[in-house]
Each structure stands twice: as structure tokens, then as C-alpha cells.
């Protein structure tokens, strides 16, 4: 979403300057404190241009809120930050930046939203099971006697781009193994397995 916002801002203000900092990238490892952040921005800032500052994973910068308050007080800077830990969600942060920020909560996409976002055809998935941060996908077919049925059952799971386990369950006498990472398991074996309890 941050890159989409950067593209949008570039379209509406082609003369503005954008500085992007991603704390997950090694090239920004030297930015550890609020003083480091201020020094980095001062070094890269162009005079007489509005600055749009984008910081990914801002919580990895010690006392980042001090730098953000300083930037905001100096004027001429729009600041966009992302963060993903408890400190970002705490009431303490609201106290530090009181009246100086707008929070935009971003939620993960549901499966139908994911398909729509990526322009993928909606496929039927029989079961999506979640427990905490774990998830498995399950397709169930009585038998898989033909290539057409095989393609339908396995193909629906192949379009899901995450790395959670995917299973096709059937009553076929000979099952087992995998097809492109999707496990083919006999229904009874799956139901009596202790792995899913």
C-alpha cells in the first residue's frame, strides 16, 4: 500500500521530493535512533521542495517519535509510516504524537478480496481451516478417476500463492505423494491423523 501511495503522490505533486526508508533493508541499517533518522533526512533533503517521507517499519528506530515531532514542527514535510508491532498500537504512541497523526488500519485481504485484487478467477476451495496463525486448505473428492477431476481438485489449490499446507482428500485406494506441493491423502488417514488436532 505504501508504494501505491507513493505513486499517487508523484502523480499529484510531480515537483515534490520523496524519501523512502525501509528498516527491513540492510541499506538503512545505520538508521538506529531518532538522531540518525534526522541526519539521514537532512543529508538527502533537497531545498525548496516539499518533502514526502515514507518510513517502513518505523518502530525499529529507537525514539522515532522524537524525529517525527521534529519533522512535523519544521514544516514542509508529509510523513507516512508503517509499523507492525505492539508499540505502534499502544496508547503510548498516541500520547507522543497527539494531534499530529492520522492512523490508517490495514487488514489482510479475505480470500475473495485477494482473488479480486490479483485478477484471479474465483475457484472453489472446500475447506479453509484456521487456528491462530496456522491455516490449511482442503479439497475433498470421492474419487479422482480422470485427469479432468485431478485438474479440478488440485488446480483450485494451485492458484493459492501462500505457503500454507494444501491437501486433496479422497477415497481412492491408492493415494499418497504430492502434486506440486499439494498432498494427496486418503480421507480416513487424514481424519485419524493427530497432526490436525
N, C-alpha and C. Protein backbone atom coordinates (compact mmCIF):
# COMPACT_ATOMS: atom_id res chain seq x y z
N UNK A 1 0.82 -1.19 0.00
CA UNK A 1 0.00 0.00 0.00
C UNK A 1 0.87 1.26 0.00
N UNK A 2 2.01 1.22 0.67
CA UNK A 2 2.88 2.38 0.74
C UNK A 2 3.36 2.79 -0.66
N UNK A 3 3.70 1.80 -1.49
CA UNK A 3 4.16 2.11 -2.85
C UNK A 3 3.02 2.69 -3.69
N UNK A 4 1.80 2.21 -3.48
CA UNK A 4 0.66 2.78 -4.19
C UNK A 4 0.48 4.24 -3.80
N UNK A 5 0.63 4.53 -2.53
CA UNK A 5 0.52 5.90 -2.05
C UNK A 5 1.63 6.77 -2.65
N UNK A 6 2.84 6.25 -2.71
CA UNK A 6 3.95 6.99 -3.30
C UNK A 6 3.67 7.31 -4.78
N UNK A 7 3.16 6.34 -5.52
CA UNK A 7 2.81 6.56 -6.92
C UNK A 7 1.73 7.64 -7.05
N UNK A 8 0.73 7.57 -6.19
CA UNK A 8 -0.36 8.55 -6.23
C UNK A 8 0.17 9.96 -5.95
N UNK A 9 1.00 10.09 -4.95
CA UNK A 9 1.55 11.41 -4.61
C UNK A 9 2.43 11.94 -5.74
N UNK A 10 3.21 11.07 -6.38
CA UNK A 10 4.05 11.50 -7.50
C UNK A 10 3.19 12.04 -8.65
N UNK A 11 1.99 11.49 -8.82
CA UNK A 11 1.10 11.96 -9.88
C UNK A 11 0.51 13.33 -9.55
N UNK A 12 0.20 13.57 -8.28
CA UNK A 12 -0.45 14.84 -7.93
C UNK A 12 0.55 15.94 -7.59
N UNK A 13 1.80 15.60 -7.28
CA UNK A 13 2.83 16.59 -6.99
C UNK A 13 4.16 16.14 -7.61
N UNK A 14 4.30 16.41 -8.88
CA UNK A 14 5.50 15.95 -9.60
C UNK A 14 6.76 16.71 -9.19
N UNK A 15 6.61 17.85 -8.52
CA UNK A 15 7.79 18.62 -8.10
C UNK A 15 8.24 18.25 -6.69
N UNK A 16 7.42 17.50 -5.97
CA UNK A 16 7.78 17.12 -4.61
C UNK A 16 8.89 16.08 -4.59
N UNK A 17 9.60 16.02 -3.48
CA UNK A 17 10.67 15.03 -3.30
C UNK A 17 10.15 13.91 -2.40
N UNK A 18 10.51 12.68 -2.74
CA UNK A 18 10.14 11.54 -1.91
C UNK A 18 11.40 10.88 -1.38
N UNK A 19 11.40 10.62 -0.08
CA UNK A 19 12.46 9.83 0.55
C UNK A 19 11.80 8.59 1.13
N UNK A 20 12.32 7.43 0.77
CA UNK A 20 11.77 6.16 1.24
C UNK A 20 12.83 5.44 2.08
N UNK A 21 12.43 5.04 3.28
CA UNK A 21 13.30 4.30 4.19
C UNK A 21 12.57 3.02 4.58
N UNK A 22 13.23 1.88 4.38
CA UNK A 22 12.64 0.60 4.76
C UNK A 22 13.60 -0.07 5.75
N UNK A 23 13.21 -0.13 7.00
CA UNK A 23 14.09 -0.68 8.04
C UNK A 23 14.32 -2.17 7.90
N UNK A 24 13.62 -2.83 7.00
CA UNK A 24 13.89 -4.25 6.77
C UNK A 24 15.01 -4.45 5.75
N UNK A 25 15.46 -3.37 5.10
CA UNK A 25 16.54 -3.46 4.12
C UNK A 25 17.87 -3.08 4.77
N UNK A 26 18.92 -3.79 4.42
CA UNK A 26 20.24 -3.58 5.01
C UNK A 26 20.77 -2.16 4.76
N UNK A 27 20.44 -1.59 3.62
CA UNK A 27 20.97 -0.26 3.28
C UNK A 27 20.55 0.82 4.28
N UNK A 28 19.54 0.54 5.10
CA UNK A 28 19.10 1.51 6.10
C UNK A 28 19.47 1.08 7.53
N UNK A 29 20.36 0.13 7.65
CA UNK A 29 20.74 -0.40 8.96
C UNK A 29 21.37 0.66 9.86
N UNK A 30 22.01 1.67 9.26
CA UNK A 30 22.68 2.69 10.07
C UNK A 30 21.69 3.65 10.73
N UNK A 31 20.43 3.61 10.34
CA UNK A 31 19.42 4.47 10.97
C UNK A 31 18.86 3.70 12.16
N UNK A 32 19.44 3.96 13.32
CA UNK A 32 19.03 3.22 14.53
C UNK A 32 18.25 4.07 15.52
N UNK A 33 18.50 5.37 15.52
CA UNK A 33 17.89 6.26 16.52
C UNK A 33 17.21 7.44 15.82
N UNK A 34 16.48 8.22 16.60
CA UNK A 34 15.83 9.40 16.04
C UNK A 34 16.86 10.38 15.49
N UNK A 35 18.02 10.50 16.15
CA UNK A 35 19.08 11.39 15.65
C UNK A 35 19.60 10.90 14.30
N UNK A 36 19.77 9.59 14.15
CA UNK A 36 20.21 9.02 12.87
C UNK A 36 19.18 9.32 11.76
N UNK A 37 17.90 9.21 12.10
CA UNK A 37 16.84 9.46 11.13
C UNK A 37 16.86 10.92 10.68
N UNK A 38 16.99 11.83 11.64
CA UNK A 38 17.05 13.26 11.30
C UNK A 38 18.26 13.55 10.43
N UNK A 39 19.41 12.99 10.77
CA UNK A 39 20.63 13.21 9.99
C UNK A 39 20.47 12.68 8.56
N UNK A 40 19.86 11.49 8.40
CA UNK A 40 19.66 10.90 7.08
C UNK A 40 18.76 11.79 6.23
N UNK A 41 17.65 12.24 6.80
CA UNK A 41 16.72 13.08 6.05
C UNK A 41 17.37 14.41 5.70
N UNK A 42 18.09 15.03 6.64
CA UNK A 42 18.77 16.30 6.37
C UNK A 42 19.79 16.15 5.24
N UNK A 43 20.50 15.02 5.21
CA UNK A 43 21.52 14.78 4.18
C UNK A 43 20.90 14.63 2.79
N UNK A 44 19.73 14.01 2.71
CA UNK A 44 19.11 13.71 1.42
C UNK A 44 18.04 14.70 0.98
N UNK A 45 17.66 15.60 1.85
CA UNK A 45 16.58 16.54 1.53
C UNK A 45 17.06 17.62 0.56
N UNK A 46 16.23 17.88 -0.45
CA UNK A 46 16.53 18.93 -1.42
C UNK A 46 15.87 20.24 -0.95
N UNK A 47 16.57 21.35 -1.09
CA UNK A 47 15.98 22.63 -0.63
C UNK A 47 14.83 23.07 -1.53
N UNK A 48 13.93 23.83 -0.96
CA UNK A 48 12.83 24.46 -1.69
C UNK A 48 11.88 23.48 -2.38
N UNK A 49 11.79 22.26 -1.87
CA UNK A 49 10.83 21.30 -2.40
C UNK A 49 10.07 20.67 -1.25
N UNK A 50 8.81 20.45 -1.47
CA UNK A 50 8.03 19.75 -0.45
C UNK A 50 8.54 18.33 -0.34
N UNK A 51 8.70 17.86 0.88
CA UNK A 51 9.22 16.51 1.10
C UNK A 51 8.11 15.58 1.55
N UNK A 52 8.09 14.41 0.94
CA UNK A 52 7.20 13.33 1.35
C UNK A 52 8.10 12.22 1.87
N UNK A 53 8.02 11.97 3.16
CA UNK A 53 8.88 11.00 3.83
C UNK A 53 8.09 9.73 4.11
N UNK A 54 8.60 8.59 3.62
CA UNK A 54 7.96 7.30 3.80
C UNK A 54 8.91 6.40 4.59
N UNK A 55 8.43 5.87 5.71
CA UNK A 55 9.26 5.02 6.55
C UNK A 55 8.52 3.71 6.81
N UNK A 56 9.08 2.62 6.33
CA UNK A 56 8.53 1.29 6.55
C UNK A 56 9.13 0.70 7.82
N UNK A 57 8.29 0.17 8.70
CA UNK A 57 8.70 -0.44 9.97
C UNK A 57 9.42 0.59 10.86
N UNK A 58 8.77 1.72 11.05
CA UNK A 58 9.34 2.84 11.81
C UNK A 58 9.66 2.46 13.25
N UNK A 59 8.96 1.46 13.80
CA UNK A 59 9.18 1.08 15.20
C UNK A 59 10.58 0.54 15.44
N UNK A 60 11.31 0.20 14.37
CA UNK A 60 12.68 -0.30 14.51
C UNK A 60 13.69 0.81 14.72
N UNK A 61 13.23 2.06 14.75
CA UNK A 61 14.09 3.21 15.02
C UNK A 61 13.81 3.67 16.44
N UNK A 62 14.84 3.62 17.27
CA UNK A 62 14.68 3.99 18.68
C UNK A 62 14.25 5.45 18.80
N UNK A 63 13.20 5.70 19.56
CA UNK A 63 12.65 7.03 19.83
C UNK A 63 12.24 7.75 18.53
N UNK A 64 11.74 6.99 17.56
CA UNK A 64 11.35 7.57 16.27
C UNK A 64 10.37 8.72 16.42
N UNK A 65 9.52 8.65 17.47
CA UNK A 65 8.51 9.69 17.64
C UNK A 65 9.13 11.07 17.84
N UNK A 66 10.35 11.12 18.42
CA UNK A 66 11.04 12.42 18.59
C UNK A 66 11.38 13.02 17.23
N UNK A 67 11.87 12.19 16.31
CA UNK A 67 12.19 12.67 14.96
C UNK A 67 10.93 13.11 14.23
N UNK A 68 9.85 12.32 14.35
CA UNK A 68 8.62 12.67 13.65
C UNK A 68 8.06 14.00 14.15
N UNK A 69 8.12 14.22 15.46
CA UNK A 69 7.65 15.50 16.02
C UNK A 69 8.51 16.65 15.50
N UNK A 70 9.82 16.43 15.42
CA UNK A 70 10.73 17.47 14.91
C UNK A 70 10.44 17.80 13.45
N UNK A 71 10.25 16.76 12.63
CA UNK A 71 9.92 16.98 11.21
C UNK A 71 8.62 17.76 11.08
N UNK A 72 7.63 17.35 11.85
CA UNK A 72 6.33 17.98 11.77
C UNK A 72 6.41 19.45 12.19
N UNK A 73 7.19 19.74 13.21
CA UNK A 73 7.32 21.12 13.69
C UNK A 73 8.06 22.00 12.69
N UNK A 74 8.99 21.41 11.94
CA UNK A 74 9.76 22.21 10.97
C UNK A 74 8.94 22.57 9.74
N UNK A 75 7.90 21.81 9.45
CA UNK A 75 7.01 22.10 8.33
C UNK A 75 7.58 21.66 7.00
N UNK A 76 6.71 21.64 5.99
CA UNK A 76 7.12 21.28 4.65
C UNK A 76 7.35 19.80 4.43
N UNK A 77 6.92 18.96 5.37
CA UNK A 77 7.12 17.52 5.25
C UNK A 77 5.80 16.81 5.53
N UNK A 78 5.43 15.94 4.61
CA UNK A 78 4.34 14.99 4.86
C UNK A 78 5.00 13.67 5.20
N UNK A 79 4.57 13.04 6.29
CA UNK A 79 5.23 11.84 6.79
C UNK A 79 4.23 10.68 6.74
N UNK A 80 4.70 9.55 6.20
CA UNK A 80 3.89 8.33 6.11
C UNK A 80 4.72 7.19 6.69
N UNK A 81 4.20 6.56 7.72
CA UNK A 81 4.94 5.49 8.40
C UNK A 81 4.10 4.22 8.45
N UNK A 82 4.80 3.10 8.39
CA UNK A 82 4.14 1.83 8.66
C UNK A 82 4.82 1.20 9.86
N UNK A 83 4.09 0.36 10.56
CA UNK A 83 4.64 -0.35 11.69
C UNK A 83 3.82 -1.58 11.96
N UNK A 84 4.45 -2.54 12.63
CA UNK A 84 3.74 -3.80 12.80
C UNK A 84 3.92 -4.44 14.16
N UNK A 85 4.21 -3.68 15.18
CA UNK A 85 4.31 -4.33 16.48
C UNK A 85 3.42 -3.64 17.50
N UNK A 86 3.43 -4.15 18.70
CA UNK A 86 2.51 -3.67 19.74
C UNK A 86 2.73 -2.20 20.09
N UNK A 87 3.98 -1.72 20.00
CA UNK A 87 4.23 -0.32 20.34
C UNK A 87 3.46 0.61 19.41
N UNK A 88 3.37 0.23 18.14
CA UNK A 88 2.65 1.07 17.19
C UNK A 88 1.17 1.15 17.54
N UNK A 89 0.65 0.14 18.21
CA UNK A 89 -0.77 0.10 18.53
C UNK A 89 -1.08 0.61 19.93
N UNK A 90 -0.04 0.96 20.67
CA UNK A 90 -0.25 1.31 22.07
C UNK A 90 -0.79 2.73 22.21
N UNK A 91 -1.45 2.97 23.33
CA UNK A 91 -1.91 4.32 23.66
C UNK A 91 -0.74 5.25 23.89
N UNK A 92 0.42 4.69 24.25
CA UNK A 92 1.62 5.48 24.49
C UNK A 92 2.01 6.27 23.23
N UNK A 93 1.91 5.65 22.08
CA UNK A 93 2.25 6.33 20.83
C UNK A 93 1.30 7.49 20.58
N UNK A 94 0.03 7.30 20.84
CA UNK A 94 -0.94 8.37 20.67
C UNK A 94 -0.58 9.57 21.54
N UNK A 95 -0.05 9.32 22.73
CA UNK A 95 0.37 10.40 23.62
C UNK A 95 1.54 11.16 23.02
N UNK A 96 2.53 10.44 22.49
CA UNK A 96 3.71 11.07 21.90
C UNK A 96 3.38 11.94 20.70
N UNK A 97 2.44 11.49 19.89
CA UNK A 97 2.14 12.18 18.64
C UNK A 97 0.77 12.84 18.65
N UNK A 98 0.24 13.09 19.81
CA UNK A 98 -1.11 13.62 19.96
C UNK A 98 -1.38 14.79 19.02
N UNK A 99 -2.46 14.66 18.25
CA UNK A 99 -2.87 15.72 17.34
C UNK A 99 -2.01 15.84 16.10
N UNK A 100 -1.06 14.94 15.91
CA UNK A 100 -0.11 15.07 14.80
C UNK A 100 -0.20 13.93 13.80
N UNK A 101 -1.14 13.03 13.96
CA UNK A 101 -1.16 11.88 13.06
C UNK A 101 -2.58 11.42 12.78
N UNK A 102 -2.70 10.70 11.67
CA UNK A 102 -3.94 10.02 11.32
C UNK A 102 -3.58 8.56 11.15
N UNK A 103 -4.25 7.69 11.88
CA UNK A 103 -3.96 6.26 11.82
C UNK A 103 -4.85 5.61 10.77
N UNK A 104 -4.24 4.80 9.91
CA UNK A 104 -4.97 4.02 8.92
C UNK A 104 -4.69 2.56 9.21
N UNK A 105 -5.70 1.85 9.69
CA UNK A 105 -5.52 0.43 9.97
C UNK A 105 -5.67 -0.35 8.68
N UNK A 106 -4.76 -1.29 8.46
CA UNK A 106 -4.79 -2.10 7.26
C UNK A 106 -5.00 -3.55 7.68
N UNK A 107 -5.98 -4.17 7.12
CA UNK A 107 -6.30 -5.55 7.44
C UNK A 107 -5.93 -6.45 6.26
N UNK A 108 -5.64 -7.71 6.57
CA UNK A 108 -5.33 -8.64 5.49
C UNK A 108 -6.58 -8.86 4.64
N UNK A 109 -6.35 -9.24 3.40
CA UNK A 109 -7.46 -9.49 2.49
C UNK A 109 -8.12 -10.82 2.80
N UNK A 110 -9.43 -10.87 2.62
CA UNK A 110 -10.11 -12.16 2.67
C UNK A 110 -9.76 -12.89 1.38
N UNK A 111 -10.04 -14.17 1.31
CA UNK A 111 -9.72 -14.93 0.10
C UNK A 111 -10.42 -14.35 -1.14
N UNK A 112 -11.73 -14.05 -1.10
CA UNK A 112 -12.36 -13.45 -2.28
C UNK A 112 -11.74 -12.09 -2.65
N UNK A 113 -11.39 -11.27 -1.64
CA UNK A 113 -10.75 -9.98 -1.92
C UNK A 113 -9.38 -10.19 -2.56
N UNK A 114 -8.64 -11.18 -2.07
CA UNK A 114 -7.33 -11.49 -2.64
C UNK A 114 -7.46 -11.84 -4.13
N UNK A 115 -8.42 -12.70 -4.45
CA UNK A 115 -8.62 -13.10 -5.84
C UNK A 115 -8.98 -11.89 -6.71
N UNK A 116 -9.87 -11.04 -6.21
CA UNK A 116 -10.27 -9.86 -6.96
C UNK A 116 -9.09 -8.91 -7.15
N UNK A 117 -8.32 -8.68 -6.10
CA UNK A 117 -7.17 -7.77 -6.15
C UNK A 117 -6.15 -8.22 -7.20
N UNK A 118 -5.91 -9.53 -7.29
CA UNK A 118 -4.93 -10.06 -8.22
C UNK A 118 -5.54 -10.47 -9.57
N UNK A 119 -6.82 -10.20 -9.75
CA UNK A 119 -7.47 -10.51 -11.02
C UNK A 119 -7.53 -12.00 -11.31
N UNK A 120 -7.63 -12.82 -10.26
CA UNK A 120 -7.68 -14.27 -10.44
C UNK A 120 -9.12 -14.75 -10.47
N UNK A 121 -9.35 -15.82 -11.20
CA UNK A 121 -10.67 -16.43 -11.27
C UNK A 121 -10.99 -17.07 -9.92
N UNK A 122 -12.20 -16.88 -9.48
CA UNK A 122 -12.60 -17.49 -8.20
C UNK A 122 -12.73 -18.99 -8.37
N UNK A 123 -12.01 -19.72 -7.54
CA UNK A 123 -12.07 -21.17 -7.54
C UNK A 123 -12.73 -21.61 -6.24
N UNK A 124 -13.34 -22.76 -6.29
CA UNK A 124 -13.98 -23.29 -5.09
C UNK A 124 -12.95 -24.04 -4.25
N UNK A 125 -12.83 -23.63 -3.01
CA UNK A 125 -12.00 -24.35 -2.04
C UNK A 125 -12.98 -24.93 -1.02
N UNK A 126 -12.95 -26.24 -0.82
CA UNK A 126 -13.93 -26.88 0.05
C UNK A 126 -13.82 -26.43 1.49
N UNK A 127 -12.59 -26.45 2.03
CA UNK A 127 -12.40 -26.07 3.42
C UNK A 127 -11.13 -25.24 3.57
N UNK A 128 -11.24 -24.16 4.33
CA UNK A 128 -10.08 -23.38 4.75
C UNK A 128 -10.13 -23.38 6.27
N UNK A 129 -9.16 -24.04 6.89
CA UNK A 129 -9.17 -24.22 8.34
C UNK A 129 -8.08 -23.33 8.96
N UNK A 130 -8.47 -22.57 9.97
CA UNK A 130 -7.53 -21.68 10.63
C UNK A 130 -7.54 -21.91 12.13
N UNK A 131 -6.34 -21.85 12.71
CA UNK A 131 -6.18 -21.92 14.16
C UNK A 131 -5.00 -21.03 14.49
N UNK A 132 -5.29 -19.88 15.14
CA UNK A 132 -4.23 -18.92 15.41
C UNK A 132 -3.67 -18.43 14.09
N UNK A 133 -2.37 -18.54 13.94
CA UNK A 133 -1.72 -18.11 12.68
C UNK A 133 -1.54 -19.26 11.71
N UNK A 134 -2.07 -20.46 12.05
CA UNK A 134 -1.96 -21.62 11.17
C UNK A 134 -3.17 -21.68 10.24
N UNK A 135 -2.94 -22.24 9.05
CA UNK A 135 -4.03 -22.39 8.09
C UNK A 135 -3.73 -23.61 7.22
N UNK A 136 -4.77 -24.35 6.86
CA UNK A 136 -4.63 -25.41 5.86
C UNK A 136 -5.82 -25.32 4.90
N UNK A 137 -5.58 -25.73 3.67
CA UNK A 137 -6.61 -25.76 2.64
C UNK A 137 -6.90 -27.21 2.30
N UNK A 138 -8.19 -27.55 2.15
CA UNK A 138 -8.57 -28.94 1.90
C UNK A 138 -9.60 -28.99 0.76
N UNK A 139 -9.30 -29.82 -0.21
CA UNK A 139 -10.26 -30.18 -1.26
C UNK A 139 -10.66 -31.62 -1.01
N UNK A 140 -11.94 -31.93 -1.19
CA UNK A 140 -12.42 -33.28 -0.96
C UNK A 140 -13.14 -33.79 -2.20
N UNK A 141 -12.79 -35.00 -2.63
CA UNK A 141 -13.45 -35.65 -3.76
C UNK A 141 -13.63 -37.13 -3.41
N UNK A 142 -14.76 -37.68 -3.78
CA UNK A 142 -14.98 -39.11 -3.50
C UNK A 142 -13.87 -39.92 -4.15
N UNK A 143 -13.71 -39.76 -5.45
CA UNK A 143 -12.65 -40.43 -6.19
C UNK A 143 -12.06 -39.43 -7.19
N UNK A 144 -10.85 -39.71 -7.61
CA UNK A 144 -10.21 -38.89 -8.65
C UNK A 144 -9.85 -39.83 -9.80
N UNK A 145 -10.87 -40.18 -10.61
CA UNK A 145 -10.67 -41.22 -11.63
C UNK A 145 -10.09 -40.69 -12.96
N UNK A 146 -10.22 -39.38 -13.21
CA UNK A 146 -9.80 -38.86 -14.51
C UNK A 146 -8.87 -37.67 -14.35
N UNK A 147 -8.18 -37.34 -15.43
CA UNK A 147 -7.32 -36.16 -15.43
C UNK A 147 -8.13 -34.88 -15.20
N UNK A 148 -9.35 -34.85 -15.71
CA UNK A 148 -10.21 -33.68 -15.54
C UNK A 148 -10.53 -33.45 -14.07
N UNK A 149 -10.89 -34.50 -13.35
CA UNK A 149 -11.18 -34.37 -11.92
C UNK A 149 -9.90 -34.01 -11.17
N UNK A 150 -8.79 -34.63 -11.53
CA UNK A 150 -7.49 -34.32 -10.90
C UNK A 150 -7.17 -32.83 -11.08
N UNK A 151 -7.33 -32.33 -12.29
CA UNK A 151 -7.04 -30.92 -12.57
C UNK A 151 -7.95 -30.01 -11.77
N UNK A 152 -9.23 -30.35 -11.67
CA UNK A 152 -10.17 -29.52 -10.92
C UNK A 152 -9.79 -29.46 -9.45
N UNK A 153 -9.54 -30.62 -8.84
CA UNK A 153 -9.28 -30.66 -7.40
C UNK A 153 -7.93 -30.06 -7.04
N UNK A 154 -6.88 -30.41 -7.77
CA UNK A 154 -5.56 -29.88 -7.47
C UNK A 154 -5.40 -28.44 -8.00
N UNK A 155 -6.03 -28.18 -9.15
CA UNK A 155 -5.90 -26.86 -9.77
C UNK A 155 -6.44 -25.74 -8.91
N UNK A 156 -7.56 -26.01 -8.20
CA UNK A 156 -8.11 -24.98 -7.32
C UNK A 156 -7.10 -24.56 -6.25
N UNK A 157 -6.35 -25.52 -5.75
CA UNK A 157 -5.36 -25.22 -4.70
C UNK A 157 -4.09 -24.60 -5.27
N UNK A 158 -3.76 -24.93 -6.50
CA UNK A 158 -2.52 -24.41 -7.10
C UNK A 158 -2.54 -22.90 -7.29
N UNK A 159 -3.71 -22.29 -7.41
CA UNK A 159 -3.77 -20.84 -7.62
C UNK A 159 -3.60 -20.05 -6.33
N UNK A 160 -3.57 -20.72 -5.19
CA UNK A 160 -3.39 -20.02 -3.91
C UNK A 160 -1.89 -19.82 -3.71
N UNK A 161 -1.43 -18.56 -3.67
CA UNK A 161 0.02 -18.31 -3.68
C UNK A 161 0.70 -18.34 -2.31
N UNK A 162 0.02 -18.69 -1.23
CA UNK A 162 0.72 -18.72 0.04
C UNK A 162 1.36 -20.10 0.26
N UNK A 163 2.08 -20.25 1.35
CA UNK A 163 2.82 -21.49 1.62
C UNK A 163 2.19 -22.35 2.70
N UNK A 164 0.93 -22.13 3.01
CA UNK A 164 0.26 -22.98 3.98
C UNK A 164 0.00 -24.34 3.35
N UNK A 165 -0.09 -25.40 4.18
CA UNK A 165 -0.31 -26.75 3.65
C UNK A 165 -1.64 -26.86 2.90
N UNK A 166 -1.59 -27.65 1.83
CA UNK A 166 -2.77 -27.86 1.00
C UNK A 166 -2.95 -29.37 0.79
N UNK A 167 -4.20 -29.84 0.90
CA UNK A 167 -4.49 -31.27 0.83
C UNK A 167 -5.66 -31.54 -0.11
N UNK A 168 -5.56 -32.64 -0.83
CA UNK A 168 -6.70 -33.20 -1.55
C UNK A 168 -6.99 -34.53 -0.88
N UNK A 169 -8.21 -34.69 -0.38
CA UNK A 169 -8.63 -35.91 0.29
C UNK A 169 -9.57 -36.68 -0.62
N UNK A 170 -9.38 -37.99 -0.68
CA UNK A 170 -10.27 -38.81 -1.50
C UNK A 170 -10.35 -40.22 -0.92
N UNK A 171 -11.23 -41.02 -1.48
CA UNK A 171 -11.40 -42.42 -1.08
C UNK A 171 -10.67 -43.36 -2.04
N UNK A 172 -9.84 -42.81 -2.93
CA UNK A 172 -9.09 -43.65 -3.86
C UNK A 172 -8.28 -44.69 -3.08
N UNK A 173 -8.21 -45.91 -3.62
CA UNK A 173 -7.46 -46.97 -2.93
C UNK A 173 -5.97 -46.65 -2.88
N UNK A 174 -5.45 -46.11 -3.94
CA UNK A 174 -4.02 -45.77 -3.95
C UNK A 174 -3.91 -44.25 -3.94
N UNK A 175 -3.50 -43.74 -2.81
CA UNK A 175 -3.27 -42.29 -2.67
C UNK A 175 -1.93 -42.10 -2.01
N UNK A 176 -1.51 -40.90 -1.95
CA UNK A 176 -0.23 -40.57 -1.32
C UNK A 176 0.61 -39.74 -2.26
N UNK A 177 1.67 -39.23 -1.72
CA UNK A 177 2.54 -38.39 -2.51
C UNK A 177 1.98 -36.99 -2.64
N UNK A 178 2.60 -36.24 -3.53
CA UNK A 178 2.15 -34.87 -3.71
C UNK A 178 2.22 -34.49 -5.18
N UNK A 179 1.47 -33.48 -5.51
CA UNK A 179 1.46 -32.90 -6.85
C UNK A 179 1.73 -31.42 -6.68
N UNK A 180 2.92 -30.98 -7.08
CA UNK A 180 3.34 -29.58 -6.95
C UNK A 180 3.14 -29.06 -5.52
N UNK A 181 3.50 -29.89 -4.55
CA UNK A 181 3.43 -29.49 -3.15
C UNK A 181 2.10 -29.73 -2.46
N UNK A 182 1.11 -30.19 -3.20
CA UNK A 182 -0.21 -30.47 -2.61
C UNK A 182 -0.27 -31.95 -2.28
N UNK A 183 -0.53 -32.26 -1.00
CA UNK A 183 -0.56 -33.65 -0.54
C UNK A 183 -1.88 -34.32 -0.92
N UNK A 184 -1.79 -35.54 -1.46
CA UNK A 184 -2.98 -36.33 -1.75
C UNK A 184 -3.06 -37.40 -0.65
N UNK A 185 -4.12 -37.33 0.15
CA UNK A 185 -4.24 -38.18 1.34
C UNK A 185 -5.60 -38.86 1.34
N UNK A 186 -5.62 -40.13 1.79
CA UNK A 186 -6.89 -40.84 1.94
C UNK A 186 -7.67 -40.19 3.08
N UNK A 187 -8.99 -40.08 2.92
CA UNK A 187 -9.83 -39.41 3.91
C UNK A 187 -9.64 -40.00 5.31
N UNK A 188 -9.66 -41.34 5.42
CA UNK A 188 -9.51 -41.98 6.74
C UNK A 188 -8.17 -41.62 7.37
N UNK A 189 -7.12 -41.68 6.59
CA UNK A 189 -5.79 -41.34 7.12
C UNK A 189 -5.76 -39.91 7.65
N UNK A 190 -6.38 -39.01 6.92
CA UNK A 190 -6.43 -37.61 7.34
C UNK A 190 -7.23 -37.44 8.63
N UNK A 191 -8.40 -38.10 8.71
CA UNK A 191 -9.26 -37.96 9.88
C UNK A 191 -8.65 -38.56 11.14
N UNK A 192 -7.87 -39.63 10.99
CA UNK A 192 -7.27 -40.25 12.17
C UNK A 192 -5.89 -39.70 12.49
N UNK A 193 -5.40 -38.80 11.69
CA UNK A 193 -4.08 -38.22 11.95
C UNK A 193 -4.16 -37.29 13.16
N UNK A 194 -3.13 -37.34 13.98
CA UNK A 194 -3.07 -36.46 15.15
C UNK A 194 -2.43 -35.12 14.80
N UNK A 195 -1.96 -34.95 13.60
CA UNK A 195 -1.30 -33.70 13.21
C UNK A 195 -2.27 -32.51 13.20
N UNK A 196 -3.57 -32.76 13.03
CA UNK A 196 -4.51 -31.65 12.84
C UNK A 196 -5.37 -31.41 14.08
N UNK A 197 -5.00 -32.00 15.19
CA UNK A 197 -5.81 -31.83 16.39
C UNK A 197 -5.24 -30.77 17.30
